Amino acid sequence: MTSSRLSRTVNFAVCLCVSAGCVAQVPAKVELPAPAFDVATIRANPTADPNNGYWSLPGIGSFKANGVSLAVLIRLAYGIDDKQILNRPAWLNTNLYDVLAKPEEGISLTRPELRPRLQLLLQQRFHLVAHRETHDMPGFALIEAKRGAKLQPTKGAKFPNYHVELHAGRINLRNSSLDDIAASITSVISRPVLNQTKIQGSYDIDVTYAPDENPDSNLPSLFTALEETLGLRLTPQKVPVEVLVIDSVDPTPTPN
């Protein structure tokens, strides 16, 4: 064998080794288990008053809910509004439950940490099977007014690191993004609102307006108040909305 042929053979062998080494170094795709609560109890509460149901704030290291419907739990788990839950059984809003759940050590249970754990809990205990779809629905786009937005950056993120207060006639939020603001307006007007401002950051807002049930109020309408106070406008349009379609679910949770 000549030296040139030997050189080509050695080079070819080295290339094969390098290629094989490269293939060997490609990591296999590993499916990580979904985050789960360490301990969780769910009990039906048929004597609860649906008007007095409540649930704990995120970020306190545990999740507690008393006298809440499964519809509320689904909304918290998937970050959606009530109108985004489709194919619901009649009892979804009427059967009430108490929930106490704790994650593993070191998890404060912020909203992003709560949602996957609560989703898994509902799947395990209520055997919730659902899928997502996107529907175009009549709604509003949240945009900047002609003179620009008038937003106050949040004054801090100390505990509680956010605040949501929605009443007839008032929207009071602390440490909230424009997506959060749009979601809060959605809850107030029961129509989907899509943030199209492209504004980043977190803000504190306090908007007072005349609720629909009080036409004699001296306050402006919500639409006018948003523009005057925040420099934001709501424009009617079809809005793509992600909905959760329930395929099957049980009214009685499995035993603790």
C-alpha atoms as a PDB file:
ATOM      1  CA  MET A   1       0.000   0.000   0.000  1.00  0.00           C
ATOM      2  CA  THR A   2       1.431   3.397  -0.995  1.00  0.00           C
ATOM      3  CA  SER A   3       1.757   6.180   1.518  1.00  0.00           C
ATOM      4  CA  SER A   4      -0.957   8.236  -0.224  1.00  0.00           C
ATOM      5  CA  ARG A   5      -3.431   5.316  -0.113  1.00  0.00           C
ATOM      6  CA  LEU A   6      -2.502   4.718   3.530  1.00  0.00           C
ATOM      7  CA  SER A   7      -3.118   8.395   4.301  1.00  0.00           C
ATOM      8  CA  ARG A   8      -6.544   8.292   2.642  1.00  0.00           C
ATOM      9  CA  THR A   9      -7.442   5.116   4.573  1.00  0.00           C
ATOM     10  CA  VAL A  10      -6.378   6.609   7.889  1.00  0.00           C
ATOM     11  CA  ASN A  11      -8.276   9.828   7.164  1.00  0.00           C
ATOM     12  CA  PHE A  12     -11.397   7.863   6.238  1.00  0.00           C
ATOM     13  CA  ALA A  13     -11.144   5.827   9.437  1.00  0.00           C
ATOM     14  CA  VAL A  14     -10.727   9.007  11.502  1.00  0.00           C
ATOM     15  CA  CYS A  15     -13.798  10.516   9.823  1.00  0.00           C
ATOM     16  CA  LEU A  16     -15.817   7.412  10.665  1.00  0.00           C
ATOM     17  CA  CYS A  17     -14.673   7.581  14.287  1.00  0.00           C
ATOM     18  CA  VAL A  18     -15.524  11.284  14.553  1.00  0.00           C
ATOM     19  CA  SER A  19     -18.925  10.715  12.935  1.00  0.00           C
ATOM     20  CA  ALA A  20     -19.643   7.799  15.222  1.00  0.00           C
ATOM     21  CA  GLY A  21     -18.544   9.887  18.173  1.00  0.00           C
ATOM     22  CA  CYS A  22     -20.845  12.706  17.141  1.00  0.00           C
ATOM     23  CA  VAL A  23     -23.784  10.324  16.835  1.00  0.00           C
ATOM     24  CA  ALA A  24     -22.998   8.802  20.216  1.00  0.00           C
ATOM     25  CA  GLN A  25     -23.022  12.248  21.840  1.00  0.00           C
ATOM     26  CA  VAL A  26     -26.587  13.140  20.723  1.00  0.00           C
ATOM     27  CA  PRO A  27     -28.618  12.903  23.929  1.00  0.00           C
ATOM     28  CA  ALA A  28     -31.766  10.839  23.895  1.00  0.00           C
ATOM     29  CA  LYS A  29     -34.964  12.809  24.417  1.00  0.00           C
ATOM     30  CA  VAL A  30     -36.089  12.336  28.001  1.00  0.00           C
ATOM     31  CA  GLU A  31     -39.711  12.925  28.947  1.00  0.00           C
ATOM     32  CA  LEU A  32     -39.697  14.648  32.314  1.00  0.00           C
ATOM     33  CA  PRO A  33     -42.579  13.844  34.651  1.00  0.00           C
ATOM     34  CA  ALA A  34     -45.182  16.572  35.090  1.00  0.00           C
ATOM     35  CA  PRO A  35     -44.787  18.564  38.316  1.00  0.00           C
ATOM     36  CA  ALA A  36     -47.044  17.184  41.042  1.00  0.00           C
ATOM     37  CA  PHE A  37     -48.094  18.101  44.554  1.00  0.00           C
ATOM     38  CA  ASP A  38     -46.408  16.149  47.321  1.00  0.00           C
ATOM     39  CA  VAL A  39     -49.643  16.019  49.348  1.00  0.00           C
ATOM     40  CA  ALA A  40     -53.174  16.882  48.272  1.00  0.00           C
ATOM     41  CA  THR A  41     -56.655  16.383  49.715  1.00  0.00           C
ATOM     42  CA  ILE A  42     -59.954  17.097  47.960  1.00  0.00           C
ATOM     43  CA  ARG A  43     -63.326  16.823  49.652  1.00  0.00           C
ATOM     44  CA  ALA A  44     -66.824  17.566  48.409  1.00  0.00           C
ATOM     45  CA  ASN A  45     -68.464  20.390  50.360  1.00  0.00           C
ATOM     46  CA  PRO A  46     -72.212  20.259  49.593  1.00  0.00           C
ATOM     47  CA  THR A  47     -73.099  22.730  52.393  1.00  0.00           C
ATOM     48  CA  ALA A  48     -70.761  25.507  51.231  1.00  0.00           C
ATOM     49  CA  ASP A  49     -72.133  28.856  50.104  1.00  0.00           C
ATOM     50  CA  PRO A  50     -71.069  29.362  46.470  1.00  0.00           C
ATOM     51  CA  ASN A  51     -70.994  33.125  47.049  1.00  0.00           C
ATOM     52  CA  ASN A  52     -68.357  32.778  49.773  1.00  0.00           C
ATOM     53  CA  GLY A  53     -65.903  30.451  48.038  1.00  0.00           C
ATOM     54  CA  TYR A  54     -62.265  31.518  48.106  1.00  0.00           C
ATOM     55  CA  TRP A  55     -58.776  30.319  47.262  1.00  0.00           C
ATOM     56  CA  SER A  56     -55.313  31.277  48.437  1.00  0.00           C
ATOM     57  CA  LEU A  57     -52.924  33.664  46.731  1.00  0.00           C
ATOM     58  CA  PRO A  58     -49.977  32.187  44.797  1.00  0.00           C
ATOM     59  CA  GLY A  59     -46.501  32.316  46.256  1.00  0.00           C
ATOM     60  CA  ILE A  60     -47.238  31.166  49.824  1.00  0.00           C
ATOM     61  CA  GLY A  61     -45.974  27.593  49.486  1.00  0.00           C
ATOM     62  CA  SER A  62     -49.368  25.858  49.423  1.00  0.00           C
ATOM     63  CA  PHE A  63     -52.739  25.964  47.686  1.00  0.00           C
ATOM     64  CA  LYS A  64     -55.993  26.112  49.617  1.00  0.00           C
ATOM     65  CA  ALA A  65     -59.530  26.488  48.289  1.00  0.00           C
ATOM     66  CA  ASN A  66     -62.823  26.326  50.140  1.00  0.00           C
ATOM     67  CA  GLY A  67     -66.285  25.973  48.660  1.00  0.00           C
ATOM     68  CA  VAL A  68     -65.202  26.333  45.026  1.00  0.00           C
ATOM     69  CA  SER A  69     -66.577  24.649  41.940  1.00  0.00           C
ATOM     70  CA  LEU A  70     -64.600  22.486  39.562  1.00  0.00           C
ATOM     71  CA  ALA A  71     -65.086  25.235  36.972  1.00  0.00           C
ATOM     72  CA  VAL A  72     -63.118  27.590  39.237  1.00  0.00           C
ATOM     73  CA  LEU A  73     -60.373  24.992  39.735  1.00  0.00           C
ATOM     74  CA  ILE A  74     -60.119  24.474  35.963  1.00  0.00           C
ATOM     75  CA  ARG A  75     -59.873  28.219  35.418  1.00  0.00           C
ATOM     76  CA  LEU A  76     -57.040  28.451  37.954  1.00  0.00           C
ATOM     77  CA  ALA A  77     -55.275  25.384  36.540  1.00  0.00           C
ATOM     78  CA  TYR A  78     -55.375  26.469  32.904  1.00  0.00           C
ATOM     79  CA  GLY A  79     -55.356  30.258  33.251  1.00  0.00           C
ATOM     80  CA  ILE A  80     -58.595  30.727  31.324  1.00  0.00           C
ATOM     81  CA  ASP A  81     -61.902  32.537  31.731  1.00  0.00           C
ATOM     82  CA  ASP A  82     -65.168  30.763  32.466  1.00  0.00           C
ATOM     83  CA  LYS A  83     -66.417  31.263  28.892  1.00  0.00           C
ATOM     84  CA  GLN A  84     -63.372  29.386  27.602  1.00  0.00           C
ATOM     85  CA  ILE A  85     -64.556  26.101  29.141  1.00  0.00           C
ATOM     86  CA  LEU A  86     -66.687  24.243  26.583  1.00  0.00           C
ATOM     87  CA  ASN A  87     -68.734  21.035  26.632  1.00  0.00           C
ATOM     88  CA  ARG A  88     -69.178  21.344  30.376  1.00  0.00           C
ATOM     89  CA  PRO A  89     -71.485  19.095  32.397  1.00  0.00           C
ATOM     90  CA  ALA A  90     -74.335  20.829  34.244  1.00  0.00           C
ATOM     91  CA  TRP A  91     -72.770  20.247  37.678  1.00  0.00           C
ATOM     92  CA  LEU A  92     -69.418  21.859  36.850  1.00  0.00           C
ATOM     93  CA  ASN A  93     -70.436  25.187  38.430  1.00  0.00           C
ATOM     94  CA  THR A  94     -72.681  23.850  41.197  1.00  0.00           C
ATOM     95  CA  ASN A  95     -70.775  21.023  42.924  1.00  0.00           C
ATOM     96  CA  LEU A  96     -68.431  22.581  45.490  1.00  0.00           C
ATOM     97  CA  TYR A  97     -65.143  21.288  46.908  1.00  0.00           C
ATOM     98  CA  ASP A  98     -62.429  22.022  49.474  1.00  0.00           C
ATOM     99  CA  VAL A  99     -58.808  21.552  48.373  1.00  0.00           C
ATOM    100  CA  LEU A 100     -55.553  21.598  50.328  1.00  0.00           C
ATOM    101  CA  ALA A 101     -52.346  20.855  48.427  1.00  0.00           C
ATOM    102  CA  LYS A 102     -48.634  21.309  49.123  1.00  0.00           C
ATOM    103  CA  PRO A 103     -45.738  21.060  46.666  1.00  0.00           C
ATOM    104  CA  GLU A 104     -42.254  19.743  47.314  1.00  0.00           C
ATOM    105  CA  GLU A 105     -39.853  21.608  49.587  1.00  0.00           C
ATOM    106  CA  GLY A 106     -38.519  24.853  48.165  1.00  0.00           C
ATOM    107  CA  ILE A 107     -41.438  25.595  45.816  1.00  0.00           C
ATOM    108  CA  SER A 108     -43.242  28.852  46.625  1.00  0.00           C
ATOM    109  CA  LEU A 109     -46.075  27.924  44.243  1.00  0.00           C
ATOM    110  CA  THR A 110     -46.233  30.970  42.027  1.00  0.00           C
ATOM    111  CA  ARG A 111     -48.897  31.017  39.330  1.00  0.00           C
ATOM    112  CA  PRO A 112     -46.614  29.313  36.747  1.00  0.00           C
ATOM    113  CA  GLU A 113     -45.695  26.684  39.372  1.00  0.00           C
ATOM    114  CA  LEU A 114     -49.296  26.151  40.473  1.00  0.00           C
ATOM    115  CA  ARG A 115     -50.881  25.551  37.076  1.00  0.00           C
ATOM    116  CA  PRO A 116     -49.178  22.314  35.935  1.00  0.00           C
ATOM    117  CA  ARG A 117     -49.532  20.794  39.412  1.00  0.00           C
ATOM    118  CA  LEU A 118     -53.214  21.693  39.617  1.00  0.00           C
ATOM    119  CA  GLN A 119     -53.806  20.387  36.092  1.00  0.00           C
ATOM    120  CA  LEU A 120     -52.281  17.031  37.017  1.00  0.00           C
ATOM    121  CA  LEU A 121     -54.302  16.927  40.245  1.00  0.00           C
ATOM    122  CA  LEU A 122     -57.569  17.430  38.357  1.00  0.00           C
ATOM    123  CA  GLN A 123     -56.576  14.767  35.848  1.00  0.00           C
ATOM    124  CA  GLN A 124     -55.729  12.268  38.589  1.00  0.00           C
ATOM    125  CA  ARG A 125     -58.558  12.909  41.018  1.00  0.00           C
ATOM    126  CA  PHE A 126     -61.459  14.009  38.785  1.00  0.00           C
ATOM    127  CA  HIS A 127     -60.230  12.036  35.755  1.00  0.00           C
ATOM    128  CA  LEU A 128     -60.436  15.231  33.720  1.00  0.00           C
ATOM    129  CA  VAL A 129     -59.763  14.629  30.029  1.00  0.00           C
ATOM    130  CA  ALA A 130     -59.792  17.744  27.862  1.00  0.00           C
ATOM    131  CA  HIS A 131     -58.205  19.229  24.780  1.00  0.00           C
ATOM    132  CA  ARG A 132     -57.500  22.745  23.554  1.00  0.00           C
ATOM    133  CA  GLU A 133     -58.950  24.409  20.473  1.00  0.00           C
ATOM    134  CA  THR A 134     -58.757  27.928  19.064  1.00  0.00           C
ATOM    135  CA  HIS A 135     -62.026  29.678  18.186  1.00  0.00           C
ATOM    136  CA  ASP A 136     -62.623  33.132  16.730  1.00  0.00           C
ATOM    137  CA  MET A 137     -65.047  34.955  19.007  1.00  0.00           C
ATOM    138  CA  PRO A 138     -66.497  38.493  19.098  1.00  0.00           C
ATOM    139  CA  GLY A 139     -64.327  40.497  21.439  1.00  0.00           C
ATOM    140  CA  PHE A 140     -61.972  43.448  21.685  1.00  0.00           C
ATOM    141  CA  ALA A 141     -58.373  44.345  20.980  1.00  0.00           C
ATOM    142  CA  LEU A 142     -56.575  46.348  23.679  1.00  0.00           C
ATOM    143  CA  ILE A 143     -54.499  49.035  21.931  1.00  0.00           C
ATOM    144  CA  GLU A 144     -52.810  52.337  22.770  1.00  0.00           C
ATOM    145  CA  ALA A 145     -54.912  55.471  22.441  1.00  0.00           C
ATOM    146  CA  LYS A 146     -53.831  58.133  19.938  1.00  0.00           C
ATOM    147  CA  ARG A 147     -51.944  60.103  22.587  1.00  0.00           C
ATOM    148  CA  GLY A 148     -50.158  57.020  23.893  1.00  0.00           C
ATOM    149  CA  ALA A 149     -50.413  54.905  27.030  1.00  0.00           C
ATOM    150  CA  LYS A 150     -50.338  56.502  30.491  1.00  0.00           C
ATOM    151  CA  LEU A 151     -49.126  53.632  32.668  1.00  0.00           C
ATOM    152  CA  GLN A 152     -47.396  53.717  36.049  1.00  0.00           C
ATOM    153  CA  PRO A 153     -44.579  51.146  36.441  1.00  0.00           C
ATOM    154  CA  THR A 154     -45.129  48.928  39.455  1.00  0.00           C
ATOM    155  CA  LYS A 155     -43.657  50.231  42.697  1.00  0.00           C
ATOM    156  CA  GLY A 156     -42.304  46.873  43.753  1.00  0.00           C
ATOM    157  CA  ALA A 157     -42.772  43.138  43.876  1.00  0.00           C
ATOM    158  CA  LYS A 158     -42.786  42.541  47.612  1.00  0.00           C
ATOM    159  CA  PHE A 159     -45.202  39.963  48.968  1.00  0.00           C
ATOM    160  CA  PRO A 160     -47.923  39.810  47.937  1.00  0.00           C
ATOM    161  CA  ASN A 161     -46.114  40.155  44.639  1.00  0.00           C
ATOM    162  CA  TYR A 162     -49.286  40.995  42.751  1.00  0.00           C
ATOM    163  CA  HIS A 163     -52.784  42.212  43.515  1.00  0.00           C
ATOM    164  CA  VAL A 164     -56.074  41.792  41.683  1.00  0.00           C
ATOM    165  CA  GLU A 165     -59.216  43.611  42.762  1.00  0.00           C
ATOM    166  CA  LEU A 166     -62.188  43.455  40.413  1.00  0.00           C
ATOM    167  CA  HIS A 167     -65.471  44.984  41.497  1.00  0.00           C
ATOM    168  CA  ALA A 168     -68.412  46.478  39.654  1.00  0.00           C
ATOM    169  CA  GLY A 169     -66.997  49.919  39.002  1.00  0.00           C
ATOM    170  CA  ARG A 170     -63.319  49.324  39.770  1.00  0.00           C
ATOM    171  CA  ILE A 171     -60.263  47.521  38.364  1.00  0.00           C
ATOM    172  CA  ASN A 172     -57.306  47.727  40.743  1.00  0.00           C
ATOM    173  CA  LEU A 173     -54.175  45.764  39.789  1.00  0.00           C
ATOM    174  CA  ARG A 174     -50.619  45.745  41.098  1.00  0.00           C
ATOM    175  CA  ASN A 175     -47.512  44.348  39.375  1.00  0.00           C
ATOM    176  CA  SER A 176     -49.480  43.311  36.284  1.00  0.00           C
ATOM    177  CA  SER A 177     -48.496  42.983  32.641  1.00  0.00           C
ATOM    178  CA  LEU A 178     -50.656  44.210  29.769  1.00  0.00           C
ATOM    179  CA  ASP A 179     -51.732  40.599  29.240  1.00  0.00           C
ATOM    180  CA  ASP A 180     -52.880  40.542  32.892  1.00  0.00           C
ATOM    181  CA  ILE A 181     -54.765  43.801  32.377  1.00  0.00           C
ATOM    182  CA  ALA A 182     -56.471  42.419  29.261  1.00  0.00           C
ATOM    183  CA  ALA A 183     -57.440  39.262  31.178  1.00  0.00           C
ATOM    184  CA  SER A 184     -58.927  41.351  34.003  1.00  0.00           C
ATOM    185  CA  ILE A 185     -60.971  43.413  31.535  1.00  0.00           C
ATOM    186  CA  THR A 186     -62.148  40.126  30.008  1.00  0.00           C
ATOM    187  CA  SER A 187     -63.486  39.072  33.405  1.00  0.00           C
ATOM    188  CA  VAL A 188     -65.278  42.393  33.848  1.00  0.00           C
ATOM    189  CA  ILE A 189     -67.000  42.635  30.446  1.00  0.00           C
ATOM    190  CA  SER A 190     -67.370  38.873  29.820  1.00  0.00           C
ATOM    191  CA  ARG A 191     -65.910  39.278  26.331  1.00  0.00           C
ATOM    192  CA  PRO A 192     -62.435  38.180  25.243  1.00  0.00           C
ATOM    193  CA  VAL A 193     -59.862  40.985  25.214  1.00  0.00           C
ATOM    194  CA  LEU A 194     -56.577  40.487  23.362  1.00  0.00           C
ATOM    195  CA  ASN A 195     -53.549  42.606  24.275  1.00  0.00           C
ATOM    196  CA  GLN A 196     -52.188  44.134  21.061  1.00  0.00           C
ATOM    197  CA  THR A 197     -50.195  46.982  22.630  1.00  0.00           C
ATOM    198  CA  LYS A 198     -46.755  45.323  22.491  1.00  0.00           C
ATOM    199  CA  ILE A 199     -46.016  47.124  25.778  1.00  0.00           C
ATOM    200  CA  GLN A 200     -43.678  45.191  28.069  1.00  0.00           C
ATOM    201  CA  GLY A 201     -43.195  45.476  31.819  1.00  0.00           C
ATOM    202  CA  SER A 202     -45.362  45.427  34.937  1.00  0.00           C
ATOM    203  CA  TYR A 203     -47.672  48.198  36.048  1.00  0.00           C
ATOM    204  CA  ASP A 204     -49.978  49.341  38.837  1.00  0.00           C
ATOM    205  CA  ILE A 205     -53.398  50.512  37.650  1.00  0.00           C
ATOM    206  CA  ASP A 206     -56.539  51.766  39.338  1.00  0.00           C
ATOM    207  CA  VAL A 207     -59.533  52.459  37.110  1.00  0.00           C
ATOM    208  CA  THR A 208     -62.963  53.489  38.379  1.00  0.00           C
ATOM    209  CA  TYR A 209     -65.949  53.561  36.048  1.00  0.00           C
ATOM    210  CA  ALA A 210     -69.737  53.488  35.979  1.00  0.00           C
ATOM    211  CA  PRO A 211     -70.987  49.895  36.159  1.00  0.00           C
ATOM    212  CA  ASP A 212     -73.694  48.926  33.688  1.00  0.00           C
ATOM    213  CA  GLU A 213     -76.243  48.412  36.447  1.00  0.00           C
ATOM    214  CA  ASN A 214     -75.839  52.033  37.575  1.00  0.00           C
ATOM    215  CA  PRO A 215     -76.661  54.238  34.570  1.00  0.00           C
ATOM    216  CA  ASP A 216     -77.130  57.311  36.837  1.00  0.00           C
ATOM    217  CA  SER A 217     -73.486  57.277  37.960  1.00  0.00           C
ATOM    218  CA  ASN A 218     -71.397  60.393  37.332  1.00  0.00           C
ATOM    219  CA  LEU A 219     -68.415  58.207  36.489  1.00  0.00           C
ATOM    220  CA  PRO A 220     -67.382  57.514  32.868  1.00  0.00           C
ATOM    221  CA  SER A 221     -68.004  54.192  31.142  1.00  0.00           C
ATOM    222  CA  LEU A 222     -65.296  51.554  31.347  1.00  0.00           C
ATOM    223  CA  PHE A 223     -64.277  52.262  27.747  1.00  0.00           C
ATOM    224  CA  THR A 224     -63.890  55.988  28.458  1.00  0.00           C
ATOM    225  CA  ALA A 225     -62.180  55.411  31.814  1.00  0.00           C
ATOM    226  CA  LEU A 226     -59.573  53.113  30.254  1.00  0.00           C
ATOM    227  CA  GLU A 227     -58.679  55.768  27.682  1.00  0.00           C
ATOM    228  CA  GLU A 228     -58.699  58.708  30.097  1.00  0.00           C
ATOM    229  CA  THR A 229     -56.866  56.942  32.928  1.00  0.00           C
ATOM    230  CA  LEU A 230     -54.510  54.548  31.135  1.00  0.00           C
ATOM    231  CA  GLY A 231     -54.350  55.815  27.565  1.00  0.00           C
ATOM    232  CA  LEU A 232     -55.673  52.443  26.341  1.00  0.00           C
ATOM    233  CA  ARG A 233     -58.564  51.709  23.985  1.00  0.00           C
ATOM    234  CA  LEU A 234     -60.839  48.744  23.334  1.00  0.00           C
ATOM    235  CA  THR A 235     -61.694  48.217  19.676  1.00  0.00           C
ATOM    236  CA  PRO A 236     -64.276  45.585  18.638  1.00  0.00           C
ATOM    237  CA  GLN A 237     -62.972  42.744  16.504  1.00  0.00           C
ATOM    238  CA  LYS A 238     -62.949  38.977  16.166  1.00  0.00           C
ATOM    239  CA  VAL A 239     -60.423  37.594  18.637  1.00  0.00           C
ATOM    240  CA  PRO A 240     -58.706  34.172  18.465  1.00  0.00           C
ATOM    241  CA  VAL A 241     -59.452  32.560  21.800  1.00  0.00           C
ATOM    242  CA  GLU A 242     -57.968  29.316  23.090  1.00  0.00           C
ATOM    243  CA  VAL A 243     -60.715  27.236  24.671  1.00  0.00           C
ATOM    244  CA  LEU A 244     -60.634  24.066  26.746  1.00  0.00           C
ATOM    245  CA  VAL A 245     -63.059  21.401  25.539  1.00  0.00           C
ATOM    246  CA  ILE A 246     -63.973  18.852  28.204  1.00  0.00           C
ATOM    247  CA  ASP A 247     -64.052  15.297  26.853  1.00  0.00           C
ATOM    248  CA  SER A 248     -64.880  13.596  30.159  1.00  0.00           C
ATOM    249  CA  VAL A 249     -64.773  14.338  33.892  1.00  0.00           C
ATOM    250  CA  ASP A 250     -66.137  12.798  37.100  1.00  0.00           C
ATOM    251  CA  PRO A 251     -68.099  14.764  39.716  1.00  0.00           C
ATOM    252  CA  THR A 252     -66.710  12.712  42.609  1.00  0.00           C
ATOM    253  CA  PRO A 253     -62.953  12.916  43.222  1.00  0.00           C
ATOM    254  CA  THR A 254     -61.098   9.726  43.980  1.00  0.00           C
ATOM    255  CA  PRO A 255     -60.375   9.172  47.713  1.00  0.00           C
ATOM    256  CA  ASN A 256     -57.495  11.049  49.343  1.00  0.00           C
END
